[in-house]
Structure formats: C-alpha cells, structure tokens
Protein backbone atom coordinates (compact mmCIF):
# COMPACT_ATOMS: atom_id res chain seq x y z
CA UNK A 1 -11.19 -1.57 -35.08
CA UNK A 2 -13.69 1.20 -34.51
CA UNK A 3 -10.62 3.44 -33.19
CA UNK A 4 -7.24 4.39 -34.86
CA UNK A 5 -4.51 4.95 -31.95
CA UNK A 6 -2.35 6.94 -34.47
CA UNK A 7 -4.82 9.69 -34.63
CA UNK A 8 -4.01 10.36 -31.15
CA UNK A 9 -0.42 9.31 -30.94
CA UNK A 10 1.05 11.41 -27.89
CA UNK A 11 4.07 13.66 -28.32
CA UNK A 12 4.48 15.17 -25.08
CA UNK A 13 7.68 16.76 -23.73
CA UNK A 14 8.85 16.48 -20.11
CA UNK A 15 7.63 19.53 -17.95
CA UNK A 16 5.66 21.06 -20.86
CA UNK A 17 1.96 21.67 -20.30
CA UNK A 18 -0.18 19.06 -22.24
CA UNK A 19 -3.89 19.87 -21.34
CA UNK A 20 -5.80 21.25 -24.46
CA UNK A 21 -9.43 21.74 -23.31
CA UNK A 22 -10.67 21.88 -26.63
CA UNK A 23 -9.40 18.50 -27.47
CA UNK A 24 -11.01 16.98 -24.50
CA UNK A 25 -14.49 18.63 -25.55
CA UNK A 26 -13.96 17.67 -29.16
CA UNK A 27 -13.46 13.95 -28.12
CA UNK A 28 -16.56 14.01 -25.97
CA UNK A 29 -18.49 15.48 -28.84
CA UNK A 30 -17.19 13.05 -31.42
CA UNK A 31 -18.29 10.09 -29.42
CA UNK A 32 -21.36 11.50 -27.81
CA UNK A 33 -23.57 8.84 -29.25
CA UNK A 34 -21.95 5.58 -28.78
CA UNK A 35 -23.60 2.28 -30.05
CA UNK A 36 -23.57 -1.02 -28.16
CA UNK A 37 -20.98 -2.43 -30.21
CA UNK A 38 -18.69 0.57 -29.78
CA UNK A 39 -19.32 0.09 -25.90
CA UNK A 40 -18.73 -3.56 -25.99
CA UNK A 41 -15.59 -3.30 -28.05
CA UNK A 42 -13.95 -0.81 -25.60
CA UNK A 43 -14.85 -3.16 -22.69
CA UNK A 44 -13.35 -5.95 -24.32
CA UNK A 45 -10.24 -3.90 -24.66
CA UNK A 46 -9.95 -3.21 -21.21
CA UNK A 47 -10.95 -6.68 -20.04
CA UNK A 48 -7.76 -7.82 -22.25
CA UNK A 49 -5.76 -5.61 -19.47
CA UNK A 50 -4.80 -3.11 -22.03
CA UNK A 51 -5.02 0.52 -20.93
CA UNK A 52 -7.88 2.57 -22.88
CA UNK A 53 -7.45 5.79 -25.34
CA UNK A 54 -8.85 8.86 -24.84
CA UNK A 55 -11.49 8.06 -27.55
CA UNK A 56 -12.51 4.86 -25.89
CA UNK A 57 -12.88 6.52 -22.49
CA UNK A 58 -15.05 9.17 -24.07
CA UNK A 59 -17.25 6.31 -25.23
CA UNK A 60 -17.67 4.79 -21.89
CA UNK A 61 -18.47 8.36 -20.50
CA UNK A 62 -21.06 9.16 -22.91
CA UNK A 63 -22.78 5.85 -22.38
CA UNK A 64 -23.58 6.71 -18.58
CA UNK A 65 -27.21 7.92 -19.64
CA UNK A 66 -28.05 4.40 -21.27
CA UNK A 67 -29.30 1.90 -18.39
CA UNK A 68 -27.93 -1.14 -20.50
CA UNK A 69 -24.54 0.49 -21.14
CA UNK A 70 -24.38 1.40 -17.67
CA UNK A 71 -24.57 -2.28 -16.65
CA UNK A 72 -22.31 -3.17 -19.05
CA UNK A 73 -19.46 -0.68 -17.78
CA UNK A 74 -20.31 -1.67 -14.07
CA UNK A 75 -20.17 -5.58 -14.68
CA UNK A 76 -17.01 -5.32 -16.48
CA UNK A 77 -15.70 -2.93 -13.60
CA UNK A 78 -16.40 -5.57 -11.14
CA UNK A 79 -14.77 -8.23 -13.44
CA UNK A 80 -11.62 -6.54 -14.05
CA UNK A 81 -11.05 -5.33 -10.15
CA UNK A 82 -11.24 -9.00 -9.20
CA UNK A 83 -9.26 -10.45 -12.12
CA UNK A 84 -6.35 -8.03 -11.37
CA UNK A 85 -6.52 -7.13 -7.59
CA UNK A 86 -8.41 -10.08 -6.52
CA UNK A 87 -10.44 -9.93 -3.25
CA UNK A 88 -8.27 -7.42 -1.31
CA UNK A 89 -8.05 -3.86 0.02
CA UNK A 90 -5.19 -2.02 0.73
CA UNK A 91 -5.43 -0.11 4.15
CA UNK A 92 -3.86 2.93 4.96
CA UNK A 93 -4.05 6.22 7.29
CA UNK A 94 -3.54 9.65 6.54
CA UNK A 95 -1.49 11.75 9.03
CA UNK A 96 -1.69 15.57 9.22
CA UNK A 97 1.77 16.91 10.16
CA UNK A 98 0.66 20.65 9.30
CA UNK A 99 -2.09 22.84 8.29
CA UNK A 100 -0.23 26.39 7.62
CA UNK A 101 -1.14 27.49 3.93
CA UNK A 102 -0.11 30.15 1.85
CA UNK A 103 -3.09 29.47 -0.74
CA UNK A 104 -6.41 30.81 -1.07
CA UNK A 105 -8.73 28.01 -2.28
CA UNK A 106 -12.31 28.96 -1.97
CA UNK A 107 -13.31 25.43 -1.06
CA UNK A 108 -10.49 24.39 1.57
CA UNK A 109 -10.85 24.81 5.31
CA UNK A 110 -6.74 25.50 5.24
CA UNK A 111 -6.94 28.51 3.06
CA UNK A 112 -5.11 31.62 4.03
CA UNK A 113 -8.10 33.76 4.30
CA UNK A 114 -9.99 31.18 6.81
CA UNK A 115 -9.44 33.20 10.29
CA UNK A 116 -11.43 30.48 11.89
CA UNK A 117 -8.88 27.66 11.27
CA UNK A 118 -7.00 26.46 14.17
CA UNK A 119 -3.27 26.36 12.67
CA UNK A 120 -0.78 24.02 13.99
CA UNK A 121 2.34 21.92 13.21
CA UNK A 122 3.35 18.77 14.92
CA UNK A 123 6.58 18.95 16.80
CA UNK A 124 9.00 15.75 16.50
CA UNK A 125 7.58 14.58 19.60
CA UNK A 126 3.99 15.10 18.74
CA UNK A 127 4.49 13.25 15.38
CA UNK A 128 6.06 10.63 17.16
CA UNK A 129 3.31 10.33 19.30
CA UNK A 130 0.97 10.58 16.56
CA UNK A 131 2.89 7.57 14.84
CA UNK A 132 2.96 5.49 17.99
CA UNK A 133 -0.64 5.50 18.17
CA UNK A 134 -1.06 4.74 14.92
CA UNK A 135 1.12 1.67 15.17
CA UNK A 136 -0.55 0.55 18.20
CA UNK A 137 -3.87 0.13 16.19
CA UNK A 138 -1.93 -2.10 13.71
CA UNK A 139 -1.47 0.52 10.84
CA UNK A 140 1.60 -0.15 8.70
CA UNK A 141 1.07 2.57 5.76
CA UNK A 142 0.68 6.27 6.15
CA UNK A 143 0.55 9.37 3.80
CA UNK A 144 1.82 12.50 5.72
CA UNK A 145 -0.05 15.64 4.62
CA UNK A 146 1.22 18.95 4.34
CA UNK A 147 -0.43 22.23 4.04
CA UNK A 148 1.24 24.50 1.60
CA UNK A 149 3.66 26.64 3.21
CA UNK A 150 7.32 27.62 3.41
CA UNK A 151 7.55 26.17 6.59
CA UNK A 152 7.01 22.67 4.77
CA UNK A 153 10.19 22.81 3.01
CA UNK A 154 11.50 19.97 1.28
CA UNK A 155 14.37 19.58 3.96
CA UNK A 156 11.31 19.74 6.82
CA UNK A 157 9.36 17.21 4.86
CA UNK A 158 12.35 14.48 4.79
CA UNK A 159 12.80 15.22 8.21
CA UNK A 160 9.39 14.08 9.06
CA UNK A 161 9.34 11.11 6.92
CA UNK A 162 12.82 9.85 8.67
CA UNK A 163 11.36 10.56 12.13
CA UNK A 164 8.64 8.25 11.08
CA UNK A 165 10.64 5.54 9.63
CA UNK A 166 13.06 5.58 12.36
CA UNK A 167 10.94 5.49 15.38
CA UNK A 168 11.18 1.96 15.57
CA UNK A 169 14.27 1.29 13.41
CA UNK A 170 15.30 -1.88 15.58
CA UNK A 171 11.80 -3.60 15.12
CA UNK A 172 11.27 -6.33 12.58
CA UNK A 173 8.00 -5.32 11.70
CA UNK A 174 5.69 -5.46 14.94
CA UNK A 175 4.42 -1.89 15.83
CA UNK A 176 5.92 -0.33 12.67
CA UNK A 177 5.17 1.68 9.74
CA UNK A 178 6.75 0.38 6.80
CA UNK A 179 5.47 2.82 3.93
CA UNK A 180 5.46 6.45 4.30
CA UNK A 181 3.48 8.28 1.25
CA UNK A 182 3.08 12.18 0.96
CA UNK A 183 0.72 14.65 0.02
CA UNK A 184 2.75 17.79 -0.29
CA UNK A 185 3.02 21.19 -2.29
CA UNK A 186 4.52 20.87 -5.92
CA UNK A 187 8.41 21.47 -5.50
CA UNK A 188 11.09 22.31 -7.87
CA UNK A 189 13.33 19.01 -9.05
CA UNK A 190 15.85 19.45 -6.44
CA UNK A 191 13.44 19.76 -3.85
CA UNK A 192 11.77 16.20 -5.13
CA UNK A 193 15.67 14.80 -4.85
CA UNK A 194 15.96 15.90 -1.35
CA UNK A 195 12.16 14.14 -0.38
CA UNK A 196 13.01 11.26 -2.42
CA UNK A 197 16.30 10.62 -0.28
CA UNK A 198 14.30 10.23 2.86
CA UNK A 199 12.63 7.16 1.27
CA UNK A 200 8.98 8.16 0.41
CA UNK A 201 6.90 5.53 -0.94
CA UNK A 202 4.25 7.59 -3.41
CA UNK A 203 4.26 11.39 -4.04
CA UNK A 204 0.80 12.23 -4.32
CA UNK A 205 -0.95 15.68 -5.26
CA UNK A 206 -4.13 16.69 -6.83
CA UNK A 207 -4.68 18.96 -9.75
CA UNK A 208 -8.34 19.69 -8.28
CA UNK A 209 -9.68 20.24 -11.63
CA UNK A 210 -8.02 20.29 -15.06
CA UNK A 211 -10.49 22.75 -16.73
CA UNK A 212 -8.22 25.95 -16.34
CA UNK A 213 -11.04 28.44 -16.30
CA UNK A 214 -12.80 26.52 -13.36
CA UNK A 215 -9.19 26.32 -11.59
CA UNK A 216 -8.72 30.12 -11.95
CA UNK A 217 -12.40 30.67 -10.25
CA UNK A 218 -11.62 28.55 -7.44
CA UNK A 219 -7.92 29.39 -6.62
CA UNK A 220 -7.79 32.98 -5.59
CA UNK A 221 -3.79 33.51 -4.57
CA UNK A 222 -0.83 31.99 -3.56
CA UNK A 223 1.50 29.51 -5.46
CA UNK A 224 -1.34 26.72 -5.95
CA UNK A 225 -2.70 29.68 -8.47
CA UNK A 226 -0.21 28.64 -11.16
CA UNK A 227 -2.23 25.91 -12.89
CA UNK A 228 0.91 24.85 -15.23
CA UNK A 229 3.22 24.63 -12.13
CA UNK A 230 1.08 22.29 -10.37
CA UNK A 231 0.32 20.21 -13.59
CA UNK A 232 4.05 19.41 -14.57
CA UNK A 233 4.73 18.79 -10.58
CA UNK A 234 4.94 14.86 -11.62
CA UNK A 235 7.33 15.77 -14.39
CA UNK A 236 9.54 17.01 -11.70
CA UNK A 237 9.16 14.50 -9.21
CA UNK A 238 9.95 11.86 -12.13
CA UNK A 239 13.05 13.56 -13.19
CA UNK A 240 14.37 13.48 -9.57
CA UNK A 241 13.73 9.89 -9.40
CA UNK A 242 10.26 9.49 -7.73
CA UNK A 243 8.59 6.81 -9.72
CA UNK A 244 5.55 6.15 -7.87
CA UNK A 245 3.13 9.06 -8.26
CA UNK A 246 -0.58 9.29 -7.25
CA UNK A 247 -2.75 11.86 -9.35
CA UNK A 248 -6.34 13.05 -8.59
CA UNK A 249 -9.12 15.57 -8.97
CA UNK A 250 -11.52 16.98 -6.49
CA UNK A 251 -14.67 16.19 -7.98
CA UNK A 252 -17.59 18.91 -7.72
CA UNK A 253 -15.38 21.82 -8.74
CA UNK A 254 -15.44 21.33 -12.75
CA UNK A 255 -17.68 19.11 -15.02
CA UNK A 256 -16.79 15.48 -13.85
CA UNK A 257 -16.78 13.75 -17.34
CA UNK A 258 -14.09 16.51 -18.34
CA UNK A 259 -11.98 15.84 -15.31
CA UNK A 260 -12.04 11.82 -16.03
CA UNK A 261 -10.86 12.73 -19.80
CA UNK A 262 -8.09 15.19 -18.52
CA UNK A 263 -6.80 12.17 -15.69
CA UNK A 264 -6.37 9.97 -18.71
CA UNK A 265 -4.65 12.89 -20.30
CA UNK A 266 -2.14 13.01 -17.77
CA UNK A 267 -1.88 9.21 -17.76
CA UNK A 268 -0.95 9.57 -21.35
CA UNK A 269 1.85 12.27 -20.55
CA UNK A 270 3.43 10.26 -17.81
CA UNK A 271 3.33 7.09 -20.18
CA UNK A 272 4.78 9.18 -23.04
CA UNK A 273 7.64 10.65 -21.24
CA UNK A 274 8.59 8.64 -18.50
CA UNK A 275 7.08 4.82 -19.45
CA UNK A 276 5.18 4.93 -16.15
CA UNK A 277 1.55 6.03 -15.51
CA UNK A 278 0.43 6.97 -12.08
CA UNK A 279 0.75 4.37 -9.38
CA UNK A 280 -2.77 5.81 -7.97
CA UNK A 281 -5.68 7.90 -8.68
CA UNK A 282 -7.85 9.42 -6.18
CA UNK A 283 -11.40 11.18 -6.91
CA UNK A 284 -12.70 12.65 -3.60
CA UNK A 285 -15.90 14.60 -3.64
CA UNK A 286 -15.85 18.33 -2.24
CA UNK A 287 -17.23 18.22 1.24
CA UNK A 288 -18.30 21.04 3.81
CA UNK A 289 -14.91 22.42 5.12
CA UNK A 290 -14.52 25.46 7.58
CA UNK A 291 -15.87 28.68 5.78
CA UNK A 292 -16.38 27.16 2.45
CA UNK A 293 -20.17 28.17 2.15
CA UNK A 294 -22.03 29.62 -1.03
CA UNK A 295 -19.76 27.76 -3.54
CA UNK A 296 -20.82 27.43 -7.07
CA UNK A 297 -20.17 23.80 -7.53
CA UNK A 298 -21.06 20.90 -10.02
CA UNK A 299 -22.04 18.24 -7.80
CA UNK A 300 -21.55 14.64 -8.61
CA UNK A 301 -24.39 12.08 -7.77
CA UNK A 302 -23.89 9.07 -6.17
CA UNK A 303 -24.85 7.23 -9.48
CA UNK A 304 -22.34 9.09 -11.55
CA UNK A 305 -19.91 8.74 -8.79
CA UNK A 306 -20.00 5.03 -9.39
CA UNK A 307 -19.88 5.24 -13.27
CA UNK A 308 -16.34 7.39 -12.97
CA UNK A 309 -15.21 5.00 -10.56
CA UNK A 310 -16.07 2.12 -12.84
CA UNK A 311 -14.90 3.69 -15.96
CA UNK A 312 -11.45 4.87 -14.46
CA UNK A 313 -10.98 1.25 -13.09
CA UNK A 314 -11.85 -0.24 -16.88
CA UNK A 315 -9.64 2.94 -18.29
CA UNK A 316 -6.29 2.31 -16.51
CA UNK A 317 -6.30 -1.58 -15.23
CA UNK A 318 -2.85 -1.25 -13.66
CA UNK A 319 -3.56 2.08 -11.40
CA UNK A 320 -4.64 1.70 -7.78
CA UNK A 321 -8.09 3.59 -7.06
CA UNK A 322 -8.30 5.30 -3.73
CA UNK A 323 -11.56 5.91 -2.19
CA UNK A 324 -11.52 8.01 0.73
CA UNK A 325 -13.33 8.42 4.23
CA UNK A 326 -14.90 11.81 2.86
CA UNK A 327 -17.50 9.22 1.62
CA UNK A 328 -20.54 7.73 3.90
CA UNK A 329 -19.86 4.06 5.06
CA UNK A 330 -22.76 2.50 3.05
CA UNK A 331 -21.81 4.11 0.00
CA UNK A 332 -18.02 3.12 0.39
CA UNK A 333 -18.88 -0.24 1.23
CA UNK A 334 -20.96 -0.77 -2.24
CA UNK A 335 -18.14 0.94 -4.23
CA UNK A 336 -15.48 -1.13 -3.36
CA UNK A 337 -16.96 -3.82 -5.76
CA UNK A 338 -16.46 -1.37 -8.74
CA UNK A 339 -12.88 -1.03 -8.78
CA UNK A 340 -11.36 0.61 -5.45
CA UNK A 341 -8.42 -1.22 -4.29
CA UNK A 342 -7.25 1.25 -1.47
CA UNK A 343 -9.15 2.95 1.31
CA UNK A 344 -8.02 4.78 4.62
CA UNK A 345 -9.35 3.59 7.86
CA UNK A 346 -9.54 4.84 11.49
CA UNK A 347 -8.83 8.49 9.63
CA UNK A 348 -8.49 11.70 11.82
CA UNK A 349 -8.13 15.09 10.23
CA UNK A 350 -7.47 17.06 13.00
CA UNK A 351 -3.73 17.88 13.75
CA UNK A 352 -2.76 15.89 16.52
CA UNK A 353 -6.18 13.97 16.27
CA UNK A 354 -4.82 10.18 16.95
CA UNK A 355 -3.44 11.08 20.14
CA UNK A 356 -6.06 13.16 21.65
CA UNK A 357 -8.88 10.17 21.29
CA UNK A 358 -11.31 13.38 21.02
CA UNK A 359 -14.59 11.60 19.22
CA UNK A 360 -15.95 14.98 18.39
CA UNK A 361 -15.22 16.35 14.98
CA UNK A 362 -14.20 20.22 15.05
CA UNK A 363 -14.34 21.59 11.46
CA UNK A 364 -12.32 24.44 12.32
CA UNK A 365 -9.44 22.19 12.97
CA UNK A 366 -9.76 19.75 9.74
CA UNK A 367 -9.48 20.22 6.06
CA UNK A 368 -12.89 19.33 5.42
CA UNK A 369 -15.79 16.81 6.84
CA UNK A 370 -15.46 13.04 7.34
CA UNK A 371 -18.27 10.82 5.91
CA UNK A 372 -16.79 7.55 7.78
CA UNK A 373 -15.76 7.73 11.24
CA UNK A 374 -15.40 4.14 11.72
CA UNK A 375 -12.30 2.98 13.63
CA UNK A 376 -9.82 0.80 11.95
CA UNK A 377 -11.01 -2.43 13.44
CA UNK A 378 -15.01 -1.51 12.59
CA UNK A 379 -13.57 -0.97 9.16
CA UNK A 380 -11.70 -4.44 8.86
CA UNK A 381 -14.90 -6.02 10.56
CA UNK A 382 -17.23 -5.04 7.51
CA UNK A 383 -14.61 -5.90 5.06
CA UNK A 384 -14.38 -9.61 6.42
CA UNK A 385 -18.12 -9.63 6.09
CA UNK A 386 -17.86 -8.58 2.68
CA UNK A 387 -15.25 -11.67 1.97
CA UNK A 388 -12.51 -8.87 1.14
CA UNK A 389 -9.09 -9.25 2.50
CA UNK A 390 -7.73 -6.16 4.45
CA UNK A 391 -4.66 -5.79 3.37
CA UNK A 392 -1.19 -4.21 5.09
CA UNK A 393 1.12 -5.13 2.49
CA UNK A 394 4.29 -2.94 1.32
CA UNK A 395 6.25 -5.98 -0.23
CA UNK A 396 6.32 -4.39 -3.70
CA UNK A 397 7.78 -0.86 -2.75
CA UNK A 398 10.31 -3.17 -0.02
CA UNK A 399 11.25 -5.49 -2.97
CA UNK A 400 11.79 -2.84 -5.70
CA UNK A 401 8.88 -3.63 -7.57
CA UNK A 402 7.90 0.26 -8.30
CA UNK A 403 7.66 2.49 -11.32
CA UNK A 404 8.57 1.11 -14.70
CA UNK A 405 9.26 -2.15 -12.91
CA UNK A 406 5.88 -2.35 -11.05
CA UNK A 407 4.10 -1.90 -14.62
CA UNK A 408 5.73 -4.78 -16.07
CA UNK A 409 4.08 -6.76 -13.55
CA UNK A 410 0.80 -4.94 -13.07
CA UNK A 411 -0.23 -4.32 -16.48
CA UNK A 412 0.10 -8.05 -17.38
CA UNK A 413 -2.41 -8.89 -14.59
CA UNK A 414 0.46 -10.42 -12.31
CA UNK A 415 -0.04 -8.20 -9.08
CA UNK A 416 -2.91 -10.54 -7.80
CA UNK A 417 -0.40 -13.46 -7.79
CA UNK A 418 1.84 -11.60 -5.39
CA UNK A 419 -0.36 -9.39 -3.69
CA UNK A 420 -3.18 -11.97 -2.50
CA UNK A 421 -0.79 -14.40 -0.43
CA UNK A 422 1.31 -11.30 0.90
CA UNK A 423 -2.39 -9.54 1.89
CA UNK A 424 -3.03 -12.68 3.74
CA UNK A 425 -0.03 -12.64 5.39
CA UNK A 426 -0.25 -9.06 6.49
CA UNK A 427 -4.01 -9.49 7.35
CA UNK A 428 -2.90 -12.57 9.73
CA UNK A 429 -0.52 -10.44 11.59
CA UNK A 430 -3.30 -7.65 12.11
CA UNK A 431 -5.76 -10.12 13.56
CA UNK A 432 -3.14 -11.94 15.74
CA UNK A 433 -1.63 -8.61 17.41
CA UNK A 434 -4.22 -5.91 17.44
CA UNK A 435 -7.82 -7.26 16.55
CA UNK A 436 -10.44 -8.26 19.29
CA UNK A 437 -11.11 -12.07 19.99
CA UNK A 438 -14.42 -11.80 17.72
CA UNK A 439 -12.72 -9.91 14.78
CA UNK A 440 -9.75 -12.35 15.26
CA UNK A 441 -11.95 -15.47 15.09
CA UNK A 442 -13.63 -14.26 11.72
CA UNK A 443 -10.51 -13.42 10.12
CA UNK A 444 -9.02 -16.92 10.45
CA UNK A 445 -12.09 -18.15 9.04
CA UNK A 446 -11.56 -15.77 6.15
CA UNK A 447 -8.06 -16.36 5.50
CA UNK A 448 -8.74 -20.21 5.46
CA UNK A 449 -11.56 -20.03 2.77
CA UNK A 450 -9.25 -17.86 0.62
CA UNK A 451 -6.30 -20.79 0.64
CA UNK A 452 -8.41 -23.06 -1.13
CA UNK A 453 -7.82 -20.68 -4.49
CA UNK A 454 -3.87 -21.31 -4.32
CA UNK A 455 -2.04 -24.20 -5.95
CA UNK A 456 -0.67 -26.71 -3.48
CA UNK A 457 2.85 -25.43 -3.14
CA UNK A 458 1.79 -21.98 -2.66
CA UNK A 459 -0.83 -23.21 -0.34
CA UNK A 460 1.55 -25.38 1.84
CA UNK A 461 4.02 -22.33 1.75
CA UNK A 462 1.14 -19.84 3.20
CA UNK A 463 0.14 -22.34 5.62
CA UNK A 464 3.67 -22.53 6.91
CA UNK A 465 4.20 -19.19 7.19
CA UNK A 466 0.77 -18.76 9.00
CA UNK A 467 1.65 -20.87 11.30
CA UNK A 468 4.73 -19.09 12.01
CA UNK A 469 2.57 -15.77 12.57
CA UNK A 470 0.34 -17.57 15.05
CA UNK A 471 3.74 -18.38 16.69
CA UNK A 472 4.76 -14.63 17.08
CA UNK A 473 6.51 -14.07 14.17
CA UNK A 474 6.12 -10.94 11.92
CA UNK A 475 6.66 -9.24 8.64
CA UNK A 476 6.71 -12.19 6.72
CA UNK A 477 6.62 -12.09 2.84
CA UNK A 478 6.41 -13.96 -0.39
C-alpha cells in the first residue's frame, strides 16, 4: 500500500472547528506529482466501494493535468456511478419560502445591501398554492429554501414544513409531497430539535468556501460572517437527531482543489464524531445575481468541473451528488454520467414563481441566474432519451433507512438493489398521472427495457405492481 491511513487518523470532537488550512495545502503539495501506479491504486480502492482518504483525494486532484490520468478518473467515476446507483436520477424541486436576509454576502442576490432585491415571504395560503402547483406537475420531493433572517425562526420553518406535509394529509400518494428537505440558516441545537420534529428529511447548508481568508473577503457582515458557527452547524443538527445532512461548496469563490479537499475533511469529521457521513454533497458554480458584479472570482472551467464531480464520486461512493439548474442544459446532460445522482427540475427561483407562471426571469427577484429553464416534463423527456430512470422515490426516508442505517446499506453498494425498482415504480406513477401521451409511451418502453435486468421473482413482483399502477393505484413501494 502506498498510503498509511494511521498517519491521518481523525481525532475530532463534536462542535469543535476542524479545518486546518495548512494541513490541506501540505497534502496537496505532498502528492503533487502522482504516478500512474498511485492513481490506479486509488481508483481500485474506490471501485471496491471504500471511501477515499484525504491523501488519496489529493492524488486524484493532482492528476487533473495529465490527459491519461483524467481518462482513468472519469471512466472509473462512470463505472462506480453505475455500480452503486444504477441508471436513475432522483428528481426534486426547490421552493423558495422567503428571501429576507441579514447577511451581506457580496456574491448573493439576497444580500442585505442589495436595495434592488424584491423582498417577500410566502403567506400560508401562498405556500399552499405553490405546493399545489408543484404537486400538479408530479413533484414528490421538495427542498424549502429560506433567507437567513429572524423571520425564519425554527418555529416558522417547522410550521412551513408541516403545511407542506399536511396539505394532502388524506391522500395516499397521488398529488402529494412525500419528502421535504430544507436549506436554512445554521441553528443552535434546540432550534434544530424544533425543526426535526416537523419531519424534515435532509438539512442542507453550504459552507460556500472552506478557505477562511477567502470566506472573510466575501462575507462582509451578518451571522454568516462567523465561519466556525457555520462550519459546526452539521454537528448541532446531528446532536439534535437530524441524521441526514447535505454539505456544499459554492465553487468560484476559492481555489477548487482546496475546497474539494475540505469537503472530504468535513466528511471525515462527521464520520469520526457521528458514524454518519453527508447524505448529499452539492457543488454549484457561482452565477450572475442581482447586484453582484466586479467580484474577484476563481472561476472553474467546464473541464475542471467535470473532474471535481468525478473525483467526489470516487471519494464518497455512498453520498448523493446534486447538480443544480445553475448549469446549462447540454452540460447537465453530459455531467450526469460522471456521478450525479440528483437534479432539480422545473425549477423556479422567484418567490411565488410556480403559481404565477411567468416565463420571464427577473434577476432582482431571484438569488441567481438559472442555466436550465426546462419544465419537469422536458427534463424527464431528455432523461428517457439518455436511458436514465427519473426517480421520485422516497422509500428510504419513509422506511427508516436514514443516517447510520442508510450507511449500512449504501457503503456496501446495496442502494441500487433498493432504489432501481422503487425508481421504476415512482416513474411509472409519474407517466401514468402527469406525462403527455408521447412521454408516457416512451416512458413505458424504458421501464420494460429495465425489467430485463431483474431476476424472475423480482421481475414478476414488479410487473404486478406496475399493472396496479396502470389500474390507478399509487404510492407502491418495495
């Protein structure tokens, strides 16, 4: 073995800051000229479904300038994605509940100093209208997004989550949101307990950048300026019993290789303290937003973006990777094969945007510009063309496969065994209830082609359930 994990043994403590900038820089320097033998050893470790160490990730990051090494990495990421996740893409929609904010983050359209921003919080009725529109389109999974402001207290967040769940409390699956995740400001432990009681799925928040100097330059005032309070937010969420958390970086602020390493360091921390890594990792690239011009950015090229996705897939095989609608359509379609497992579709960023049906983007009402404005139906149509299974599945969450229990399955590569059948069932329900006739016909052809990969017993069970869906039943799970 080229690497000695004992050298990098993690001895973290809960709620204690853990990012050591020099440690990350030293690792990148130590493995600055990797050999093909080293790259292949790291890849083989990942393909055995073992999570990579920081030094192993450093090897992959430093291989990005070599064409042959890049091909080794991207091909391995494709294979690993297919092995663990199969040919499925989980679909969700973001729903912005309010954009009041006390922070002054120079890159964000919601910043307090942006007087051009149109501020609004959805009323209960407006929130229910938004949810109704999303349900009519066939959405089953939402992430509620809140500005960082006292208006959006733990009690308020819990109230809005319950509103979403309770809107169709008597329904048995048709036109019903089954999973609500949230993206909200860091809370104290008691605040996270309040939010957990509302039944949220994943708590997501991005560190934006893990480089403290860069962080300070972009975060000018407000609670978000406190780097360590944000860094330890996931600890407090875990302490409160929220065992599904989502990490993320806004790429373009700091040096991208450093932030990839820091994401792995954050993963190490969560595993060391709680035996649970991140449920998801997001990696949006900074985009134009209202009043955010003349920023000193470190833009990430499309080629480097592809590499960071492939490396993250190899580094954390069990973690869902989320690609957002910030990216243009053609690039999104291409990047899916390198490790993406979740995308948003039919996305509207304007507060109340799903109800007003306005096709024109107004950047003063949005957090940033979108690169993909396709409808949910259009996105699904293109996924079918690629042979991907659009999935609205929420089975793991509803059957208690979260947190450490989720890790028991996913780290051994068993998720495909659970997820592919359930993905097909949820997709069948979508095309029967919400799709156009053309999409419906193409969708059933896709489903029938995927059934051939199952053993006889599972195939017979699936055929029975699919026939029941054709007959009008819904919310059928394995």
